[in-house]
């Protein structure tokens, strides 16, 4: 019997741009007083010449998996953030995907990285640009798909607009923490990865220099239009 986590329920697959598909599934997190909140965990699947590249991999239902496999094989799994990775090993073990991630401390130590992500380095999606955060204490990356002016992030930038996967308690807790600002810099992530006495501003200024207008993050809902401007307003609040 497989020891991979079961596929979660998820919303129907959505094609946001030609060959760029979005999958949103729920994930739960314990909070104080023995309570649990639920919110979204997302994957972006990009169809290339040799098959699919999965950004922030999420295991799909058999039906949704078959829907993508009908268009091409799963070739690359890309972990953009250190706190994600629950389903990475499923894709590597089941489909033999190449596994990409930035080196460093990982919440999920398996699978082993076969293709290290580097700033501006090789990437399986033609024309894509990779930004690896230099100042974060844990690995985090972002990917620009220039043909769609689309930025794909993990925890660093998130966006929540009428997200159907957030529980009522989640809405209350996350509102109080500031999550519902458009293109918010992940509040919990920022607290954890900012070095003592340091700032993440320089990394976000490098991201803002990219030519993007759209965002799909590892959590929340797609921000189609106005993403660079929205993120810039949040970066202005970071210390220099």
Foldseek 3Di string as FASTA:
>chain_A
DDPADDAADWDQWDDPDVQKIKIKGKDWDADPPRDIKIFIFMWIWGQDPQFIEIELDGDHDPVRVVVRVVVHAHAEYEYQFQAGDSCVVVCCVPRVHQYEFADDHHPDCPDPHPHYDDQQDDDPHPPKGKQWQDQWQGTHIWIAPPVQLEIEGEQQWEEADVGPTTDPVSVVVCVVQPNHQGRAGRSVRLVRTHPVVGWSLVSVVVVLVRRHAKYDYRTHDIDHGRRSVSVVVNSVPIDD
